[in-house]
Amino acid sequence: MCDDECPFCNLPRERVFHEGHLFKAAWDIFPVSTGHALLILNRHVATWFEASQEEQIDLVGGIAIVRGIIERLHSPGGYNIGVNVGQAAGQTVFHLHVHVIPRYRGDVVDPTGGVRHVIPERGNYRVTGRQDR
């Protein structure tokens, strides 16, 4: 069941550039980089852990499809792929979506650690070493 207030339940058709079996893909309106895309589950659930196994599998397969589209349009040097689950992890739209963020050589000074930089001071494990929590 979709929420009338949910921006992904009410996504304008013209924003969608690909439709999978159980998801749609759209360009992020606040892109981190050129070609930043979102895979949005059709069914309204808040997080990855509420999605069915079939939905999770379709989303994972969709990542490869969207990557192919981004490759043809932008030729990035790499990707970050992520899902924010819960407010503490930075989730602001509570409708499951997967970020596919193209990365380009030189877009940051030192990309070491990639997604580990969600907690900036712990991102570069080569400098900070192991810190159990």
N, C-alpha and C. Protein backbone atom coordinates (compact mmCIF):
# COMPACT_ATOMS: atom_id res chain seq x y z
N MET A 1 0.85 -1.18 0.00
CA MET A 1 0.00 0.00 0.00
C MET A 1 0.89 1.24 0.00
N CYS A 2 0.63 2.13 -0.90
CA CYS A 2 1.42 3.35 -0.99
C CYS A 2 0.86 4.44 -0.11
N ASP A 3 1.77 5.27 0.31
CA ASP A 3 1.46 6.40 1.18
C ASP A 3 1.25 7.63 0.30
N ASP A 4 0.17 8.36 0.52
CA ASP A 4 -0.12 9.55 -0.28
C ASP A 4 0.98 10.61 -0.17
N GLU A 5 1.72 10.61 0.94
CA GLU A 5 2.78 11.60 1.16
C GLU A 5 4.15 11.13 0.65
N CYS A 6 4.26 9.89 0.25
CA CYS A 6 5.55 9.32 -0.15
C CYS A 6 5.96 9.81 -1.54
N PRO A 7 7.14 10.44 -1.64
CA PRO A 7 7.57 10.93 -2.96
C PRO A 7 7.84 9.81 -3.96
N PHE A 8 8.16 8.61 -3.48
CA PHE A 8 8.43 7.52 -4.41
C PHE A 8 7.17 6.79 -4.82
N CYS A 9 6.14 6.84 -3.99
CA CYS A 9 4.84 6.28 -4.40
C CYS A 9 4.19 7.19 -5.44
N ASN A 10 4.55 8.45 -5.40
CA ASN A 10 3.96 9.46 -6.29
C ASN A 10 4.98 10.00 -7.28
N LEU A 11 5.93 9.18 -7.65
CA LEU A 11 6.99 9.60 -8.56
C LEU A 11 6.43 9.88 -9.96
N PRO A 12 6.68 11.06 -10.50
CA PRO A 12 6.21 11.36 -11.85
C PRO A 12 6.81 10.38 -12.87
N ARG A 13 6.00 9.90 -13.79
CA ARG A 13 6.43 8.92 -14.79
C ARG A 13 7.65 9.39 -15.58
N GLU A 14 7.72 10.68 -15.85
CA GLU A 14 8.84 11.18 -16.65
C GLU A 14 10.19 11.07 -15.93
N ARG A 15 10.19 10.86 -14.63
CA ARG A 15 11.45 10.67 -13.89
C ARG A 15 11.98 9.24 -14.02
N VAL A 16 11.13 8.32 -14.41
CA VAL A 16 11.51 6.90 -14.48
C VAL A 16 12.20 6.63 -15.82
N PHE A 17 13.42 6.06 -15.76
CA PHE A 17 14.12 5.74 -17.00
C PHE A 17 14.20 4.24 -17.26
N HIS A 18 13.80 3.43 -16.28
CA HIS A 18 13.77 1.98 -16.48
C HIS A 18 12.76 1.37 -15.51
N GLU A 19 12.05 0.34 -15.98
CA GLU A 19 11.14 -0.39 -15.10
C GLU A 19 11.52 -1.85 -15.09
N GLY A 20 11.76 -2.37 -13.89
CA GLY A 20 12.03 -3.79 -13.72
C GLY A 20 10.73 -4.49 -13.34
N HIS A 21 10.85 -5.73 -12.94
CA HIS A 21 9.67 -6.51 -12.55
C HIS A 21 9.03 -5.93 -11.28
N LEU A 22 9.84 -5.63 -10.27
CA LEU A 22 9.32 -5.18 -8.98
C LEU A 22 9.87 -3.82 -8.54
N PHE A 23 10.57 -3.15 -9.43
CA PHE A 23 11.16 -1.85 -9.10
C PHE A 23 11.13 -0.93 -10.31
N LYS A 24 11.41 0.32 -10.05
CA LYS A 24 11.62 1.29 -11.13
C LYS A 24 12.92 2.02 -10.83
N ALA A 25 13.55 2.56 -11.86
CA ALA A 25 14.79 3.31 -11.70
C ALA A 25 14.57 4.75 -12.14
N ALA A 26 15.12 5.67 -11.35
CA ALA A 26 14.99 7.10 -11.63
C ALA A 26 16.31 7.78 -11.27
N TRP A 27 16.56 8.91 -11.90
CA TRP A 27 17.74 9.69 -11.55
C TRP A 27 17.46 10.41 -10.23
N ASP A 28 18.46 10.45 -9.37
CA ASP A 28 18.33 11.14 -8.09
C ASP A 28 18.21 12.64 -8.34
N ILE A 29 17.27 13.30 -7.67
CA ILE A 29 17.10 14.75 -7.88
C ILE A 29 18.12 15.56 -7.08
N PHE A 30 18.84 14.91 -6.17
CA PHE A 30 19.95 15.53 -5.44
C PHE A 30 21.20 14.66 -5.64
N PRO A 31 21.69 14.57 -6.87
CA PRO A 31 22.76 13.61 -7.16
C PRO A 31 24.08 13.94 -6.47
N VAL A 32 24.74 12.89 -6.01
CA VAL A 32 26.07 13.00 -5.44
C VAL A 32 27.09 13.14 -6.58
N SER A 33 26.79 12.52 -7.71
CA SER A 33 27.65 12.59 -8.88
C SER A 33 26.78 12.49 -10.13
N THR A 34 27.38 12.77 -11.27
CA THR A 34 26.67 12.64 -12.54
C THR A 34 26.26 11.19 -12.76
N GLY A 35 24.97 10.96 -12.99
CA GLY A 35 24.47 9.62 -13.22
C GLY A 35 23.96 8.91 -11.98
N HIS A 36 23.92 9.59 -10.84
CA HIS A 36 23.43 8.99 -9.58
C HIS A 36 21.98 8.55 -9.79
N ALA A 37 21.76 7.25 -9.63
CA ALA A 37 20.43 6.67 -9.87
C ALA A 37 19.88 6.02 -8.61
N LEU A 38 18.56 5.87 -8.59
CA LEU A 38 17.86 5.18 -7.51
C LEU A 38 17.07 4.02 -8.09
N LEU A 39 17.15 2.87 -7.46
CA LEU A 39 16.26 1.75 -7.76
C LEU A 39 15.23 1.75 -6.66
N ILE A 40 13.98 1.95 -7.01
CA ILE A 40 12.90 2.16 -6.04
C ILE A 40 11.95 0.98 -6.11
N LEU A 41 11.78 0.31 -4.98
CA LEU A 41 10.86 -0.82 -4.93
C LEU A 41 9.45 -0.33 -5.23
N ASN A 42 8.70 -1.08 -6.04
CA ASN A 42 7.32 -0.68 -6.35
C ASN A 42 6.43 -0.72 -5.12
N ARG A 43 6.58 -1.75 -4.32
CA ARG A 43 5.76 -1.88 -3.11
C ARG A 43 6.31 -0.95 -2.04
N HIS A 44 5.41 -0.29 -1.33
CA HIS A 44 5.84 0.64 -0.28
C HIS A 44 6.21 -0.11 0.99
N VAL A 45 7.51 -0.28 1.20
CA VAL A 45 8.05 -0.75 2.47
C VAL A 45 9.19 0.20 2.81
N ALA A 46 9.45 0.37 4.08
CA ALA A 46 10.45 1.36 4.49
C ALA A 46 11.89 0.92 4.26
N THR A 47 12.20 -0.34 4.55
CA THR A 47 13.61 -0.74 4.54
C THR A 47 13.86 -2.04 3.79
N TRP A 48 15.14 -2.27 3.53
CA TRP A 48 15.60 -3.50 2.88
C TRP A 48 15.09 -4.73 3.62
N PHE A 49 15.07 -4.67 4.93
CA PHE A 49 14.73 -5.82 5.74
C PHE A 49 13.24 -6.14 5.75
N GLU A 50 12.43 -5.23 5.24
CA GLU A 50 10.98 -5.47 5.11
C GLU A 50 10.62 -6.01 3.73
N ALA A 51 11.55 -5.95 2.80
CA ALA A 51 11.30 -6.45 1.45
C ALA A 51 11.35 -7.97 1.44
N SER A 52 10.59 -8.56 0.53
CA SER A 52 10.62 -10.02 0.37
C SER A 52 11.92 -10.42 -0.31
N GLN A 53 12.25 -11.69 -0.23
CA GLN A 53 13.44 -12.19 -0.89
C GLN A 53 13.34 -11.96 -2.40
N GLU A 54 12.17 -12.16 -2.97
CA GLU A 54 11.97 -11.93 -4.40
C GLU A 54 12.24 -10.47 -4.75
N GLU A 55 11.78 -9.55 -3.93
CA GLU A 55 12.02 -8.12 -4.18
C GLU A 55 13.50 -7.79 -4.06
N GLN A 56 14.16 -8.34 -3.05
CA GLN A 56 15.59 -8.09 -2.89
C GLN A 56 16.38 -8.61 -4.09
N ILE A 57 16.03 -9.80 -4.56
CA ILE A 57 16.71 -10.38 -5.72
C ILE A 57 16.49 -9.52 -6.96
N ASP A 58 15.28 -9.02 -7.16
CA ASP A 58 15.00 -8.18 -8.33
C ASP A 58 15.79 -6.87 -8.25
N LEU A 59 15.89 -6.29 -7.06
CA LEU A 59 16.67 -5.07 -6.90
C LEU A 59 18.14 -5.31 -7.20
N VAL A 60 18.69 -6.41 -6.69
CA VAL A 60 20.10 -6.71 -6.94
C VAL A 60 20.34 -6.91 -8.44
N GLY A 61 19.45 -7.62 -9.12
CA GLY A 61 19.57 -7.76 -10.57
C GLY A 61 19.45 -6.43 -11.28
N GLY A 62 18.62 -5.55 -10.75
CA GLY A 62 18.44 -4.23 -11.34
C GLY A 62 19.68 -3.36 -11.27
N ILE A 63 20.51 -3.60 -10.27
CA ILE A 63 21.75 -2.83 -10.15
C ILE A 63 22.60 -3.00 -11.40
N ALA A 64 22.72 -4.23 -11.89
CA ALA A 64 23.51 -4.49 -13.10
C ALA A 64 22.90 -3.81 -14.32
N ILE A 65 21.58 -3.83 -14.41
CA ILE A 65 20.90 -3.18 -15.54
C ILE A 65 21.16 -1.68 -15.52
N VAL A 66 20.97 -1.07 -14.36
CA VAL A 66 21.17 0.38 -14.22
C VAL A 66 22.64 0.74 -14.45
N ARG A 67 23.54 -0.10 -13.97
CA ARG A 67 24.96 0.13 -14.22
C ARG A 67 25.23 0.19 -15.72
N GLY A 68 24.65 -0.72 -16.48
CA GLY A 68 24.83 -0.72 -17.92
C GLY A 68 24.36 0.57 -18.57
N ILE A 69 23.24 1.08 -18.10
CA ILE A 69 22.70 2.35 -18.63
C ILE A 69 23.65 3.49 -18.28
N ILE A 70 24.11 3.53 -17.03
CA ILE A 70 25.03 4.58 -16.61
C ILE A 70 26.34 4.50 -17.39
N GLU A 71 26.84 3.28 -17.61
CA GLU A 71 28.08 3.09 -18.37
C GLU A 71 27.96 3.70 -19.77
N ARG A 72 26.85 3.43 -20.43
CA ARG A 72 26.66 3.94 -21.79
C ARG A 72 26.57 5.47 -21.82
N LEU A 73 25.99 6.05 -20.77
CA LEU A 73 25.80 7.50 -20.75
C LEU A 73 26.99 8.29 -20.22
N HIS A 74 27.72 7.71 -19.23
CA HIS A 74 28.70 8.52 -18.50
C HIS A 74 30.09 7.92 -18.35
N SER A 75 30.28 6.64 -18.56
CA SER A 75 31.59 5.96 -18.45
C SER A 75 32.34 6.27 -17.15
N PRO A 76 31.74 5.99 -15.99
CA PRO A 76 32.44 6.24 -14.73
C PRO A 76 33.58 5.25 -14.51
N GLY A 77 34.41 5.55 -13.53
CA GLY A 77 35.53 4.66 -13.20
C GLY A 77 35.20 3.66 -12.12
N GLY A 78 34.07 3.82 -11.44
CA GLY A 78 33.68 2.92 -10.36
C GLY A 78 32.30 3.28 -9.85
N TYR A 79 31.88 2.60 -8.79
CA TYR A 79 30.54 2.81 -8.22
C TYR A 79 30.55 2.63 -6.72
N ASN A 80 29.66 3.34 -6.06
CA ASN A 80 29.25 3.03 -4.69
C ASN A 80 27.79 2.65 -4.79
N ILE A 81 27.43 1.57 -4.11
CA ILE A 81 26.05 1.09 -4.10
C ILE A 81 25.62 1.02 -2.65
N GLY A 82 24.47 1.61 -2.31
CA GLY A 82 24.10 1.59 -0.91
C GLY A 82 22.63 1.78 -0.64
N VAL A 83 22.26 1.37 0.56
CA VAL A 83 20.90 1.51 1.07
C VAL A 83 21.00 2.10 2.47
N ASN A 84 20.31 3.19 2.72
CA ASN A 84 20.23 3.75 4.06
C ASN A 84 19.04 3.11 4.76
N VAL A 85 19.28 2.49 5.90
CA VAL A 85 18.22 1.79 6.63
C VAL A 85 18.06 2.45 7.99
N GLY A 86 17.01 3.21 8.15
CA GLY A 86 16.72 3.86 9.42
C GLY A 86 17.28 5.26 9.52
N GLN A 87 16.67 6.05 10.37
CA GLN A 87 17.06 7.44 10.54
C GLN A 87 18.51 7.57 11.00
N ALA A 88 18.97 6.69 11.88
CA ALA A 88 20.34 6.75 12.38
C ALA A 88 21.36 6.54 11.26
N ALA A 89 20.95 5.87 10.19
CA ALA A 89 21.83 5.63 9.05
C ALA A 89 21.65 6.66 7.95
N GLY A 90 20.82 7.67 8.21
CA GLY A 90 20.64 8.74 7.24
C GLY A 90 19.45 8.60 6.32
N GLN A 91 18.59 7.61 6.54
CA GLN A 91 17.42 7.45 5.68
C GLN A 91 16.46 8.61 5.92
N THR A 92 16.06 9.27 4.84
CA THR A 92 15.13 10.39 4.93
C THR A 92 13.82 10.11 4.21
N VAL A 93 13.85 9.24 3.21
CA VAL A 93 12.62 8.82 2.53
C VAL A 93 12.40 7.36 2.92
N PHE A 94 11.32 7.11 3.63
CA PHE A 94 11.08 5.78 4.18
C PHE A 94 10.28 4.90 3.23
N HIS A 95 10.86 4.75 2.05
CA HIS A 95 10.39 3.86 0.99
C HIS A 95 11.67 3.25 0.44
N LEU A 96 11.79 1.94 0.48
CA LEU A 96 13.03 1.28 0.09
C LEU A 96 13.53 1.73 -1.28
N HIS A 97 14.78 2.16 -1.29
CA HIS A 97 15.45 2.52 -2.54
C HIS A 97 16.95 2.25 -2.39
N VAL A 98 17.56 1.88 -3.50
CA VAL A 98 18.99 1.57 -3.55
C VAL A 98 19.67 2.66 -4.37
N HIS A 99 20.72 3.24 -3.80
CA HIS A 99 21.51 4.25 -4.52
C HIS A 99 22.58 3.56 -5.35
N VAL A 100 22.69 3.95 -6.61
CA VAL A 100 23.79 3.53 -7.47
C VAL A 100 24.51 4.82 -7.84
N ILE A 101 25.67 5.00 -7.23
CA ILE A 101 26.40 6.27 -7.35
C ILE A 101 27.67 6.05 -8.17
N PRO A 102 27.69 6.57 -9.39
CA PRO A 102 28.90 6.46 -10.20
C PRO A 102 30.02 7.29 -9.58
N ARG A 103 31.23 6.77 -9.69
CA ARG A 103 32.40 7.49 -9.19
C ARG A 103 33.35 7.74 -10.35
N TYR A 104 34.05 8.85 -10.29
CA TYR A 104 34.93 9.27 -11.37
C TYR A 104 36.32 9.53 -10.81
N ARG A 105 37.32 9.13 -11.58
CA ARG A 105 38.70 9.36 -11.16
C ARG A 105 38.89 10.83 -10.82
N GLY A 106 39.39 11.10 -9.61
CA GLY A 106 39.65 12.46 -9.18
C GLY A 106 38.46 13.16 -8.54
N ASP A 107 37.32 12.47 -8.38
CA ASP A 107 36.15 13.16 -7.79
C ASP A 107 36.34 13.46 -6.30
N VAL A 108 37.25 12.74 -5.65
CA VAL A 108 37.68 13.06 -4.29
C VAL A 108 39.20 12.87 -4.25
N VAL A 109 39.85 13.50 -3.30
CA VAL A 109 41.30 13.41 -3.22
C VAL A 109 41.76 11.98 -2.99
N ASP A 110 41.15 11.29 -2.03
CA ASP A 110 41.54 9.91 -1.71
C ASP A 110 40.29 9.07 -1.50
N PRO A 111 39.95 8.23 -2.48
CA PRO A 111 38.73 7.43 -2.35
C PRO A 111 38.88 6.20 -1.45
N THR A 112 40.06 5.99 -0.87
CA THR A 112 40.29 4.81 -0.04
C THR A 112 39.22 4.68 1.04
N GLY A 113 38.64 3.52 1.13
CA GLY A 113 37.62 3.27 2.15
C GLY A 113 36.21 3.38 1.62
N GLY A 114 36.01 4.11 0.52
CA GLY A 114 34.69 4.20 -0.12
C GLY A 114 33.55 4.42 0.85
N VAL A 115 32.63 3.46 0.91
CA VAL A 115 31.43 3.60 1.75
C VAL A 115 31.76 3.64 3.23
N ARG A 116 32.96 3.26 3.60
CA ARG A 116 33.35 3.32 5.01
C ARG A 116 33.33 4.76 5.53
N HIS A 117 33.30 5.74 4.65
CA HIS A 117 33.32 7.14 5.07
C HIS A 117 31.96 7.67 5.51
N VAL A 118 30.99 6.79 5.68
CA VAL A 118 29.72 7.25 6.24
C VAL A 118 29.93 7.75 7.67
N ILE A 119 30.98 7.26 8.31
CA ILE A 119 31.44 7.81 9.59
C ILE A 119 32.84 8.32 9.29
N PRO A 120 32.96 9.60 8.90
CA PRO A 120 34.19 10.12 8.30
C PRO A 120 35.48 9.79 9.06
N GLU A 121 35.51 9.96 10.34
CA GLU A 121 36.75 9.74 11.07
C GLU A 121 37.16 8.27 11.15
N ARG A 122 36.28 7.36 10.72
CA ARG A 122 36.61 5.93 10.75
C ARG A 122 36.73 5.35 9.35
N GLY A 123 36.58 6.18 8.33
CA GLY A 123 36.56 5.69 6.97
C GLY A 123 37.86 5.09 6.48
N ASN A 124 38.97 5.74 6.75
CA ASN A 124 40.24 5.26 6.23
C ASN A 124 40.88 4.30 7.22
N TYR A 125 40.61 3.02 7.05
CA TYR A 125 41.11 1.99 7.96
C TYR A 125 42.63 1.89 7.93
N ARG A 126 43.25 2.38 6.87
CA ARG A 126 44.71 2.34 6.80
C ARG A 126 45.33 3.31 7.80
N VAL A 127 44.61 4.39 8.11
CA VAL A 127 45.11 5.39 9.05
C VAL A 127 44.62 5.10 10.46
N THR A 128 43.33 4.81 10.60
CA THR A 128 42.74 4.67 11.93
C THR A 128 42.99 3.31 12.56
N GLY A 129 43.28 2.30 11.75
CA GLY A 129 43.45 0.95 12.29
C GLY A 129 42.12 0.37 12.74
N ARG A 130 42.17 -0.81 13.31
CA ARG A 130 40.94 -1.48 13.75
C ARG A 130 40.42 -0.86 15.04
N GLN A 131 39.13 -0.58 15.02
CA GLN A 131 38.47 -0.03 16.21
C GLN A 131 37.19 -0.80 16.43
N ASP A 132 37.23 -1.75 17.34
CA ASP A 132 36.03 -2.53 17.63
C ASP A 132 35.03 -1.69 18.40
N ARG A 133 33.77 -1.88 18.09
CA ARG A 133 32.69 -1.17 18.80
C ARG A 133 31.62 -2.15 19.12
